[in-house]
Amino acid sequence: MSWYYDFEPQKPIETDKGIKARSKRGDFVKNWWASRWLAAMERVMDRGRLQRGRSYARKGQVLSLTEAAGQITAQVQGSRRTPYKVQITLKPLPETSWQTVLAALAERPYFVAQLLAGEMPQEIEEAFHAVRLDLFPGRAELKQDCNCPDWADVCKHLAAVHYILAERFDEDPFLLFRLRGKSQADILAALGTASSVAGEEAVPEYQAAPSLTVDLTNFWQPGPELADFAVTITGPTSPYPILTRLGEPDFLPEQRWLKANYDRVTELALDLVRELVENDTVATAALE
């Protein structure tokens, strides 16, 4: 990355054409997989470069960030007129390793359901470790480069790209899979096929159900167990699961307009359901 050991930090050229981080203060990401990515990067950086990288990301110094074939390429506006070029390359998993991982994932329907909803199960690393593989790359599998004169392994320009990339991970967990060599469509198709094959079991012999005593007097009355049935209304565990699954729309350059409406619709829906539950509780109490 670097060739000058006496490099001193300088103030970057300000720009209004960059990608500004959504985070203005505090944590950059919400989901565990994006936090995991950032934590790995932050462990190998000194505090000064880390702070400057966060500042670059929030000010919009990252001019572009593209993903292709296991590689992230970006341009970062630094103190020189010509933007610096940043590359982050992940070593893809071999196809045989992917087949082993997908077979292990297909044995856990809970994983498949969460992936279909655009979420990454926190226990997914265990499935990778069970077959002696890692979802998150180690240092030997991650190649990083910036053409700036800084001597550090991870300079502030690389750090800024990592922070913007982590926000992309936060929205789209399948980005990590793509960088590892498998698209969302490939994974879901493989899991669907594996699950259907695993589910082909012998149909048990039919047994008639025991007859039930019909009591028409109490047929429409709630049973005593209903009082113990509790309902908790909460929002989605992962932000924008449907938008994440559908991907970037062709008719909008970014999803922020959809996300604002998504937040509003979610809030209204939760308020409506809570109101219905509250009204039902009051009505039930009045009948008792």
C-alpha atoms as a PDB file:
ATOM      1  CA  MET A   1       0.000   0.000   0.000  1.00  0.00           C
ATOM      2  CA  SER A   2       2.614   2.470   0.872  1.00  0.00           C
ATOM      3  CA  TRP A   3       6.008   3.686   0.185  1.00  0.00           C
ATOM      4  CA  TYR A   4       6.564   6.716   2.500  1.00  0.00           C
ATOM      5  CA  TYR A   5       7.286   6.061   6.135  1.00  0.00           C
ATOM      6  CA  ASP A   6       7.328   9.753   7.062  1.00  0.00           C
ATOM      7  CA  PHE A   7       3.754  10.260   5.860  1.00  0.00           C
ATOM      8  CA  GLU A   8       1.798  12.849   7.832  1.00  0.00           C
ATOM      9  CA  PRO A   9      -2.017  13.101   7.811  1.00  0.00           C
ATOM     10  CA  GLN A  10      -3.404  16.040   5.847  1.00  0.00           C
ATOM     11  CA  LYS A  11      -6.836  17.579   5.514  1.00  0.00           C
ATOM     12  CA  PRO A  12      -8.791  16.000   2.635  1.00  0.00           C
ATOM     13  CA  ILE A  13     -10.278  17.954  -0.248  1.00  0.00           C
ATOM     14  CA  GLU A  14     -13.966  18.333   0.525  1.00  0.00           C
ATOM     15  CA  THR A  15     -16.486  16.976  -1.970  1.00  0.00           C
ATOM     16  CA  ASP A  16     -20.255  16.811  -2.296  1.00  0.00           C
ATOM     17  CA  LYS A  17     -20.195  13.900  -4.750  1.00  0.00           C
ATOM     18  CA  GLY A  18     -19.357  11.108  -2.337  1.00  0.00           C
ATOM     19  CA  ILE A  19     -21.268   8.378  -0.522  1.00  0.00           C
ATOM     20  CA  LYS A  20     -22.089   9.680   2.936  1.00  0.00           C
ATOM     21  CA  ALA A  21     -22.511   7.155   5.722  1.00  0.00           C
ATOM     22  CA  ARG A  22     -25.982   7.008   7.242  1.00  0.00           C
ATOM     23  CA  SER A  23     -24.433   6.965  10.707  1.00  0.00           C
ATOM     24  CA  LYS A  24     -23.693  10.454  11.987  1.00  0.00           C
ATOM     25  CA  ARG A  25     -22.472   9.366  15.420  1.00  0.00           C
ATOM     26  CA  GLY A  26     -22.116   6.223  17.489  1.00  0.00           C
ATOM     27  CA  ASP A  27     -22.301   2.765  15.942  1.00  0.00           C
ATOM     28  CA  PHE A  28     -22.163   2.442  12.179  1.00  0.00           C
ATOM     29  CA  VAL A  29     -24.232  -0.720  11.855  1.00  0.00           C
ATOM     30  CA  LYS A  30     -27.092  -2.549  13.570  1.00  0.00           C
ATOM     31  CA  ASN A  31     -26.804  -6.202  12.575  1.00  0.00           C
ATOM     32  CA  TRP A  32     -24.354  -8.689  13.998  1.00  0.00           C
ATOM     33  CA  TRP A  33     -22.804  -9.726  10.676  1.00  0.00           C
ATOM     34  CA  ALA A  34     -21.892  -6.145   9.739  1.00  0.00           C
ATOM     35  CA  SER A  35     -20.542  -5.551  13.261  1.00  0.00           C
ATOM     36  CA  ARG A  36     -18.450  -8.699  12.902  1.00  0.00           C
ATOM     37  CA  TRP A  37     -16.927  -7.366   9.686  1.00  0.00           C
ATOM     38  CA  LEU A  38     -16.060  -4.018  11.251  1.00  0.00           C
ATOM     39  CA  ALA A  39     -14.634  -5.612  14.387  1.00  0.00           C
ATOM     40  CA  ALA A  40     -12.168  -7.642  12.320  1.00  0.00           C
ATOM     41  CA  MET A  41     -10.971  -4.486  10.551  1.00  0.00           C
ATOM     42  CA  GLU A  42     -10.780  -2.390  13.711  1.00  0.00           C
ATOM     43  CA  ARG A  43      -8.553  -4.953  15.434  1.00  0.00           C
ATOM     44  CA  VAL A  44      -5.723  -4.337  12.957  1.00  0.00           C
ATOM     45  CA  MET A  45      -5.930  -0.524  12.876  1.00  0.00           C
ATOM     46  CA  ASP A  46      -4.529   2.152  15.134  1.00  0.00           C
ATOM     47  CA  ARG A  47      -6.980   4.559  16.722  1.00  0.00           C
ATOM     48  CA  GLY A  48      -5.894   7.607  14.722  1.00  0.00           C
ATOM     49  CA  ARG A  49      -6.440   6.067  11.301  1.00  0.00           C
ATOM     50  CA  LEU A  50      -9.658   4.503  12.539  1.00  0.00           C
ATOM     51  CA  GLN A  51     -11.063   7.879  13.600  1.00  0.00           C
ATOM     52  CA  ARG A  52     -10.018   9.533  10.344  1.00  0.00           C
ATOM     53  CA  GLY A  53     -11.571   6.683   8.364  1.00  0.00           C
ATOM     54  CA  ARG A  54     -14.878   7.135  10.200  1.00  0.00           C
ATOM     55  CA  SER A  55     -14.710  10.861   9.547  1.00  0.00           C
ATOM     56  CA  TYR A  56     -14.034  10.266   5.842  1.00  0.00           C
ATOM     57  CA  ALA A  57     -17.016   7.912   5.603  1.00  0.00           C
ATOM     58  CA  ARG A  58     -19.375  10.339   7.339  1.00  0.00           C
ATOM     59  CA  LYS A  59     -18.201  13.340   5.304  1.00  0.00           C
ATOM     60  CA  GLY A  60     -18.698  11.525   1.995  1.00  0.00           C
ATOM     61  CA  GLN A  61     -15.046  11.209   0.949  1.00  0.00           C
ATOM     62  CA  VAL A  62     -15.741   7.768  -0.581  1.00  0.00           C
ATOM     63  CA  LEU A  63     -16.651   8.762  -4.143  1.00  0.00           C
ATOM     64  CA  SER A  64     -17.615   5.328  -5.447  1.00  0.00           C
ATOM     65  CA  LEU A  65     -17.879   1.722  -4.333  1.00  0.00           C
ATOM     66  CA  THR A  66     -18.535  -1.169  -6.691  1.00  0.00           C
ATOM     67  CA  GLU A  67     -18.723  -4.917  -6.217  1.00  0.00           C
ATOM     68  CA  ALA A  68     -17.729  -7.499  -8.809  1.00  0.00           C
ATOM     69  CA  ALA A  69     -16.389 -11.058  -8.775  1.00  0.00           C
ATOM     70  CA  GLY A  70     -15.314 -11.195  -5.155  1.00  0.00           C
ATOM     71  CA  GLN A  71     -13.761  -7.753  -5.229  1.00  0.00           C
ATOM     72  CA  ILE A  72     -14.679  -4.319  -3.919  1.00  0.00           C
ATOM     73  CA  THR A  73     -13.212  -1.348  -5.758  1.00  0.00           C
ATOM     74  CA  ALA A  74     -13.579   2.210  -4.546  1.00  0.00           C
ATOM     75  CA  GLN A  75     -12.291   5.719  -5.023  1.00  0.00           C
ATOM     76  CA  VAL A  76     -11.614   7.937  -2.029  1.00  0.00           C
ATOM     77  CA  GLN A  77     -11.015  11.672  -2.181  1.00  0.00           C
ATOM     78  CA  GLY A  78      -8.022  12.455  -0.025  1.00  0.00           C
ATOM     79  CA  SER A  79      -5.749  15.474   0.233  1.00  0.00           C
ATOM     80  CA  ARG A  80      -4.570  15.185  -3.371  1.00  0.00           C
ATOM     81  CA  ARG A  81      -6.557  16.220  -6.426  1.00  0.00           C
ATOM     82  CA  THR A  82      -6.607  12.697  -7.872  1.00  0.00           C
ATOM     83  CA  PRO A  83      -8.730  10.306  -5.749  1.00  0.00           C
ATOM     84  CA  TYR A  84      -7.023   7.285  -4.272  1.00  0.00           C
ATOM     85  CA  LYS A  85      -7.890   3.830  -5.578  1.00  0.00           C
ATOM     86  CA  VAL A  86      -8.857   1.171  -3.048  1.00  0.00           C
ATOM     87  CA  GLN A  87      -9.273  -2.555  -3.640  1.00  0.00           C
ATOM     88  CA  ILE A  88     -10.553  -5.181  -1.216  1.00  0.00           C
ATOM     89  CA  THR A  89     -10.455  -8.746  -2.509  1.00  0.00           C
ATOM     90  CA  LEU A  90     -11.834 -11.826  -0.776  1.00  0.00           C
ATOM     91  CA  LYS A  91     -10.757 -15.333  -1.601  1.00  0.00           C
ATOM     92  CA  PRO A  92     -13.877 -17.204  -2.787  1.00  0.00           C
ATOM     93  CA  LEU A  93     -14.735 -20.556  -1.287  1.00  0.00           C
ATOM     94  CA  PRO A  94     -14.176 -23.501  -3.658  1.00  0.00           C
ATOM     95  CA  GLU A  95     -17.324 -25.016  -5.164  1.00  0.00           C
ATOM     96  CA  THR A  96     -16.804 -28.264  -3.246  1.00  0.00           C
ATOM     97  CA  SER A  97     -16.680 -26.303   0.010  1.00  0.00           C
ATOM     98  CA  TRP A  98     -19.860 -24.436  -0.916  1.00  0.00           C
ATOM     99  CA  GLN A  99     -21.665 -27.706  -1.585  1.00  0.00           C
ATOM    100  CA  THR A 100     -20.655 -28.963   1.857  1.00  0.00           C
ATOM    101  CA  VAL A 101     -21.802 -25.732   3.526  1.00  0.00           C
ATOM    102  CA  LEU A 102     -25.124 -25.615   1.665  1.00  0.00           C
ATOM    103  CA  ALA A 103     -25.862 -29.213   2.612  1.00  0.00           C
ATOM    104  CA  ALA A 104     -25.233 -28.334   6.271  1.00  0.00           C
ATOM    105  CA  LEU A 105     -27.437 -25.221   6.047  1.00  0.00           C
ATOM    106  CA  ALA A 106     -30.276 -27.137   4.399  1.00  0.00           C
ATOM    107  CA  GLU A 107     -30.484 -29.395   7.454  1.00  0.00           C
ATOM    108  CA  ARG A 108     -31.606 -26.376   9.504  1.00  0.00           C
ATOM    109  CA  PRO A 109     -34.962 -25.060   8.215  1.00  0.00           C
ATOM    110  CA  TYR A 110     -34.661 -22.089  10.577  1.00  0.00           C
ATOM    111  CA  PHE A 111     -31.616 -20.893   8.641  1.00  0.00           C
ATOM    112  CA  VAL A 112     -33.425 -21.212   5.324  1.00  0.00           C
ATOM    113  CA  ALA A 113     -36.403 -19.217   6.635  1.00  0.00           C
ATOM    114  CA  GLN A 114     -34.197 -16.392   7.912  1.00  0.00           C
ATOM    115  CA  LEU A 115     -32.174 -16.232   4.716  1.00  0.00           C
ATOM    116  CA  LEU A 116     -35.396 -16.039   2.714  1.00  0.00           C
ATOM    117  CA  ALA A 117     -36.352 -13.036   4.863  1.00  0.00           C
ATOM    118  CA  GLY A 118     -33.050 -11.310   4.094  1.00  0.00           C
ATOM    119  CA  GLU A 119     -31.505 -12.022   7.494  1.00  0.00           C
ATOM    120  CA  MET A 120     -28.364 -13.901   8.430  1.00  0.00           C
ATOM    121  CA  PRO A 121     -28.853 -16.338  11.344  1.00  0.00           C
ATOM    122  CA  GLN A 122     -26.327 -15.673  14.082  1.00  0.00           C
ATOM    123  CA  GLU A 123     -25.599 -19.387  14.376  1.00  0.00           C
ATOM    124  CA  ILE A 124     -24.638 -19.641  10.703  1.00  0.00           C
ATOM    125  CA  GLU A 125     -20.952 -19.472  11.602  1.00  0.00           C
ATOM    126  CA  GLU A 126     -21.405 -22.710  13.532  1.00  0.00           C
ATOM    127  CA  ALA A 127     -22.592 -24.400  10.344  1.00  0.00           C
ATOM    128  CA  PHE A 128     -19.453 -23.214   8.558  1.00  0.00           C
ATOM    129  CA  HIS A 129     -17.191 -24.222  11.444  1.00  0.00           C
ATOM    130  CA  ALA A 130     -18.829 -27.664  11.578  1.00  0.00           C
ATOM    131  CA  VAL A 131     -17.390 -28.360   8.125  1.00  0.00           C
ATOM    132  CA  ARG A 132     -14.088 -26.617   8.983  1.00  0.00           C
ATOM    133  CA  LEU A 133     -14.738 -23.461   6.989  1.00  0.00           C
ATOM    134  CA  ASP A 134     -15.109 -19.779   7.837  1.00  0.00           C
ATOM    135  CA  LEU A 135     -17.753 -17.414   6.532  1.00  0.00           C
ATOM    136  CA  PHE A 136     -15.767 -14.330   7.506  1.00  0.00           C
ATOM    137  CA  PRO A 137     -12.335 -14.217   5.882  1.00  0.00           C
ATOM    138  CA  GLY A 138      -9.118 -14.375   7.839  1.00  0.00           C
ATOM    139  CA  ARG A 139      -6.189 -12.095   7.055  1.00  0.00           C
ATOM    140  CA  ALA A 140      -4.729 -14.639   4.637  1.00  0.00           C
ATOM    141  CA  GLU A 141      -7.965 -14.631   2.616  1.00  0.00           C
ATOM    142  CA  LEU A 142      -8.363 -10.846   2.508  1.00  0.00           C
ATOM    143  CA  LYS A 143      -6.218  -8.711   0.218  1.00  0.00           C
ATOM    144  CA  GLN A 144      -6.391  -4.939   0.692  1.00  0.00           C
ATOM    145  CA  ASP A 145      -4.651  -2.228  -1.241  1.00  0.00           C
ATOM    146  CA  CYS A 146      -4.659   1.564  -1.542  1.00  0.00           C
ATOM    147  CA  ASN A 147      -2.329   3.631  -3.723  1.00  0.00           C
ATOM    148  CA  CYS A 148      -1.912   6.346  -1.104  1.00  0.00           C
ATOM    149  CA  PRO A 149       1.540   7.021   0.434  1.00  0.00           C
ATOM    150  CA  ASP A 150       0.599   5.801   3.920  1.00  0.00           C
ATOM    151  CA  TRP A 151       2.728   2.922   5.199  1.00  0.00           C
ATOM    152  CA  ALA A 152       0.068   1.191   7.334  1.00  0.00           C
ATOM    153  CA  ASP A 153      -1.536  -2.111   6.344  1.00  0.00           C
ATOM    154  CA  VAL A 154      -4.956  -0.439   6.596  1.00  0.00           C
ATOM    155  CA  CYS A 155      -4.901   3.303   5.908  1.00  0.00           C
ATOM    156  CA  LYS A 156      -7.706   5.783   6.563  1.00  0.00           C
ATOM    157  CA  HIS A 157      -8.921   5.454   2.963  1.00  0.00           C
ATOM    158  CA  LEU A 158      -9.312   1.700   3.341  1.00  0.00           C
ATOM    159  CA  ALA A 159     -10.975   2.249   6.705  1.00  0.00           C
ATOM    160  CA  ALA A 160     -13.495   4.655   5.158  1.00  0.00           C
ATOM    161  CA  VAL A 161     -14.359   2.087   2.484  1.00  0.00           C
ATOM    162  CA  HIS A 162     -14.755  -0.611   5.144  1.00  0.00           C
ATOM    163  CA  TYR A 163     -17.262   1.554   7.031  1.00  0.00           C
ATOM    164  CA  ILE A 164     -19.339   2.214   3.898  1.00  0.00           C
ATOM    165  CA  LEU A 165     -19.055  -1.474   3.008  1.00  0.00           C
ATOM    166  CA  ALA A 166     -20.261  -2.442   6.486  1.00  0.00           C
ATOM    167  CA  GLU A 167     -23.393  -0.349   5.938  1.00  0.00           C
ATOM    168  CA  ARG A 168     -23.945  -2.256   2.691  1.00  0.00           C
ATOM    169  CA  PHE A 169     -23.552  -5.508   4.634  1.00  0.00           C
ATOM    170  CA  ASP A 170     -26.069  -4.204   7.167  1.00  0.00           C
ATOM    171  CA  GLU A 171     -28.668  -3.843   4.398  1.00  0.00           C
ATOM    172  CA  ASP A 172     -27.725  -6.919   2.390  1.00  0.00           C
ATOM    173  CA  PRO A 173     -26.198  -9.935   4.174  1.00  0.00           C
ATOM    174  CA  PHE A 174     -25.979 -11.737   0.831  1.00  0.00           C
ATOM    175  CA  LEU A 175     -23.208  -9.315  -0.162  1.00  0.00           C
ATOM    176  CA  LEU A 176     -20.811 -11.325   1.985  1.00  0.00           C
ATOM    177  CA  PHE A 177     -21.923 -14.534   0.261  1.00  0.00           C
ATOM    178  CA  ARG A 178     -21.417 -12.941  -3.161  1.00  0.00           C
ATOM    179  CA  LEU A 179     -17.910 -11.889  -2.222  1.00  0.00           C
ATOM    180  CA  ARG A 180     -17.353 -15.486  -1.170  1.00  0.00           C
ATOM    181  CA  GLY A 181     -18.486 -16.734  -4.589  1.00  0.00           C
ATOM    182  CA  LYS A 182     -22.251 -17.412  -4.348  1.00  0.00           C
ATOM    183  CA  SER A 183     -25.142 -15.154  -5.320  1.00  0.00           C
ATOM    184  CA  GLN A 184     -28.409 -14.891  -3.420  1.00  0.00           C
ATOM    185  CA  ALA A 185     -30.233 -16.747  -6.203  1.00  0.00           C
ATOM    186  CA  ASP A 186     -27.640 -19.552  -6.190  1.00  0.00           C
ATOM    187  CA  ILE A 187     -27.875 -20.018  -2.425  1.00  0.00           C
ATOM    188  CA  LEU A 188     -31.668 -19.937  -2.193  1.00  0.00           C
ATOM    189  CA  ALA A 189     -32.019 -22.276  -5.170  1.00  0.00           C
ATOM    190  CA  ALA A 190     -29.518 -24.717  -3.678  1.00  0.00           C
ATOM    191  CA  LEU A 191     -31.174 -24.594  -0.250  1.00  0.00           C
ATOM    192  CA  GLY A 192     -34.612 -25.105  -1.785  1.00  0.00           C
ATOM    193  CA  THR A 193     -33.452 -28.142  -3.754  1.00  0.00           C
ATOM    194  CA  ALA A 194     -31.558 -29.612  -0.808  1.00  0.00           C
ATOM    195  CA  SER A 195     -34.506 -29.061   1.528  1.00  0.00           C
ATOM    196  CA  SER A 196     -36.947 -30.738  -0.841  1.00  0.00           C
ATOM    197  CA  VAL A 197     -34.676 -33.751  -1.241  1.00  0.00           C
ATOM    198  CA  ALA A 198     -34.137 -33.972   2.520  1.00  0.00           C
ATOM    199  CA  GLY A 199     -37.875 -33.769   3.054  1.00  0.00           C
ATOM    200  CA  GLU A 200     -38.694 -36.754   0.843  1.00  0.00           C
ATOM    201  CA  GLU A 201     -39.480 -39.262   3.575  1.00  0.00           C
ATOM    202  CA  ALA A 202     -41.811 -42.195   3.618  1.00  0.00           C
ATOM    203  CA  VAL A 203     -45.436 -41.204   4.186  1.00  0.00           C
ATOM    204  CA  PRO A 204     -46.691 -42.768   7.431  1.00  0.00           C
ATOM    205  CA  GLU A 205     -49.605 -45.162   7.236  1.00  0.00           C
ATOM    206  CA  TYR A 206     -52.958 -43.448   7.650  1.00  0.00           C
ATOM    207  CA  GLN A 207     -54.576 -43.766  11.049  1.00  0.00           C
ATOM    208  CA  ALA A 208     -58.081 -42.583  11.739  1.00  0.00           C
ATOM    209  CA  ALA A 209     -58.322 -39.816  14.314  1.00  0.00           C
ATOM    210  CA  PRO A 210     -60.216 -40.646  17.501  1.00  0.00           C
ATOM    211  CA  SER A 211     -63.787 -39.381  17.600  1.00  0.00           C
ATOM    212  CA  LEU A 212     -64.435 -36.184  19.551  1.00  0.00           C
ATOM    213  CA  THR A 213     -67.313 -35.421  21.845  1.00  0.00           C
ATOM    214  CA  VAL A 214     -69.344 -32.543  20.400  1.00  0.00           C
ATOM    215  CA  ASP A 215     -70.713 -30.079  22.941  1.00  0.00           C
ATOM    216  CA  LEU A 216     -72.771 -27.528  21.008  1.00  0.00           C
ATOM    217  CA  THR A 217     -73.514 -25.544  24.167  1.00  0.00           C
ATOM    218  CA  ASN A 218     -69.899 -24.456  24.625  1.00  0.00           C
ATOM    219  CA  PHE A 219     -68.791 -24.773  21.004  1.00  0.00           C
ATOM    220  CA  TRP A 220     -68.324 -21.018  20.454  1.00  0.00           C
ATOM    221  CA  GLN A 221     -66.982 -20.251  23.933  1.00  0.00           C
ATOM    222  CA  PRO A 222     -63.240 -19.748  24.496  1.00  0.00           C
ATOM    223  CA  GLY A 223     -61.511 -22.430  26.503  1.00  0.00           C
ATOM    224  CA  PRO A 224     -59.619 -21.726  29.743  1.00  0.00           C
ATOM    225  CA  GLU A 225     -56.292 -21.979  27.904  1.00  0.00           C
ATOM    226  CA  LEU A 226     -57.034 -18.763  26.007  1.00  0.00           C
ATOM    227  CA  ALA A 227     -56.335 -16.675  29.112  1.00  0.00           C
ATOM    228  CA  ASP A 228     -52.755 -17.983  29.141  1.00  0.00           C
ATOM    229  CA  PHE A 229     -52.165 -17.123  25.484  1.00  0.00           C
ATOM    230  CA  ALA A 230     -49.964 -14.009  25.254  1.00  0.00           C
ATOM    231  CA  VAL A 231     -49.267 -11.967  22.126  1.00  0.00           C
ATOM    232  CA  THR A 232     -46.306  -9.626  21.844  1.00  0.00           C
ATOM    233  CA  ILE A 233     -46.338  -7.149  18.980  1.00  0.00           C
ATOM    234  CA  THR A 234     -42.861  -6.117  17.830  1.00  0.00           C
ATOM    235  CA  GLY A 235     -41.221  -4.787  14.705  1.00  0.00           C
ATOM    236  CA  PRO A 236     -38.940  -6.850  12.441  1.00  0.00           C
ATOM    237  CA  THR A 237     -35.712  -8.125  14.021  1.00  0.00           C
ATOM    238  CA  SER A 238     -33.763  -7.065  10.944  1.00  0.00           C
ATOM    239  CA  PRO A 239     -34.361  -3.670   9.292  1.00  0.00           C
ATOM    240  CA  TYR A 240     -36.139  -3.734   5.921  1.00  0.00           C
ATOM    241  CA  PRO A 241     -36.192  -7.550   5.432  1.00  0.00           C
ATOM    242  CA  ILE A 242     -38.450  -7.414   2.357  1.00  0.00           C
ATOM    243  CA  LEU A 243     -36.496  -4.605   0.683  1.00  0.00           C
ATOM    244  CA  THR A 244     -33.271  -6.470   1.411  1.00  0.00           C
ATOM    245  CA  ARG A 245     -34.597  -9.630  -0.186  1.00  0.00           C
ATOM    246  CA  LEU A 246     -35.929  -7.839  -3.292  1.00  0.00           C
ATOM    247  CA  GLY A 247     -32.690  -5.935  -3.859  1.00  0.00           C
ATOM    248  CA  GLU A 248     -32.086  -2.558  -5.494  1.00  0.00           C
ATOM    249  CA  PRO A 249     -35.073  -1.487  -7.656  1.00  0.00           C
ATOM    250  CA  ASP A 250     -34.486  -0.532 -11.298  1.00  0.00           C
ATOM    251  CA  PHE A 251     -36.672   2.562 -11.055  1.00  0.00           C
ATOM    252  CA  LEU A 252     -34.828   4.175  -8.121  1.00  0.00           C
ATOM    253  CA  PRO A 253     -31.100   4.911  -7.764  1.00  0.00           C
ATOM    254  CA  GLU A 254     -31.276   4.215  -4.022  1.00  0.00           C
ATOM    255  CA  GLN A 255     -33.644   2.601  -1.559  1.00  0.00           C
ATOM    256  CA  ARG A 256     -33.778   5.463   0.926  1.00  0.00           C
ATOM    257  CA  TRP A 257     -37.140   6.710  -0.439  1.00  0.00           C
ATOM    258  CA  LEU A 258     -38.640   3.254  -0.099  1.00  0.00           C
ATOM    259  CA  LYS A 259     -37.119   2.847   3.351  1.00  0.00           C
ATOM    260  CA  ALA A 260     -38.726   6.045   4.613  1.00  0.00           C
ATOM    261  CA  ASN A 261     -42.140   4.800   3.474  1.00  0.00           C
ATOM    262  CA  TYR A 262     -41.374   1.316   4.790  1.00  0.00           C
ATOM    263  CA  ASP A 263     -40.648   2.761   8.225  1.00  0.00           C
ATOM    264  CA  ARG A 264     -43.889   4.760   8.160  1.00  0.00           C
ATOM    265  CA  VAL A 265     -46.024   1.810   7.028  1.00  0.00           C
ATOM    266  CA  THR A 266     -44.424  -0.445   9.647  1.00  0.00           C
ATOM    267  CA  GLU A 267     -45.125   2.121  12.370  1.00  0.00           C
ATOM    268  CA  LEU A 268     -48.766   2.514  11.285  1.00  0.00           C
ATOM    269  CA  ALA A 269     -49.252  -1.258  11.061  1.00  0.00           C
ATOM    270  CA  LEU A 270     -47.832  -1.823  14.543  1.00  0.00           C
ATOM    271  CA  ASP A 271     -50.007   0.960  15.979  1.00  0.00           C
ATOM    272  CA  LEU A 272     -53.092  -0.545  14.315  1.00  0.00           C
ATOM    273  CA  VAL A 273     -52.402  -4.043  15.629  1.00  0.00           C
ATOM    274  CA  ARG A 274     -51.711  -2.754  19.136  1.00  0.00           C
ATOM    275  CA  GLU A 275     -54.972  -0.795  19.049  1.00  0.00           C
ATOM    276  CA  LEU A 276     -56.903  -3.875  17.928  1.00  0.00           C
ATOM    277  CA  VAL A 277     -55.353  -5.971  20.696  1.00  0.00           C
ATOM    278  CA  GLU A 278     -56.096  -3.278  23.291  1.00  0.00           C
ATOM    279  CA  ASN A 279     -59.721  -2.906  22.141  1.00  0.00           C
ATOM    280  CA  ASP A 280     -60.187  -6.661  22.163  1.00  0.00           C
ATOM    281  CA  THR A 281     -58.801  -6.844  25.700  1.00  0.00           C
ATOM    282  CA  VAL A 282     -61.190  -4.118  26.887  1.00  0.00           C
ATOM    283  CA  ALA A 283     -64.159  -5.793  25.191  1.00  0.00           C
ATOM    284  CA  THR A 284     -63.298  -9.154  26.719  1.00  0.00           C
ATOM    285  CA  ALA A 285     -62.995  -7.629  30.189  1.00  0.00           C
ATOM    286  CA  ALA A 286     -66.414  -5.967  29.797  1.00  0.00           C
ATOM    287  CA  LEU A 287     -68.054  -9.307  29.043  1.00  0.00           C
ATOM    288  CA  GLU A 288     -66.623 -10.980  32.132  1.00  0.00           C
END
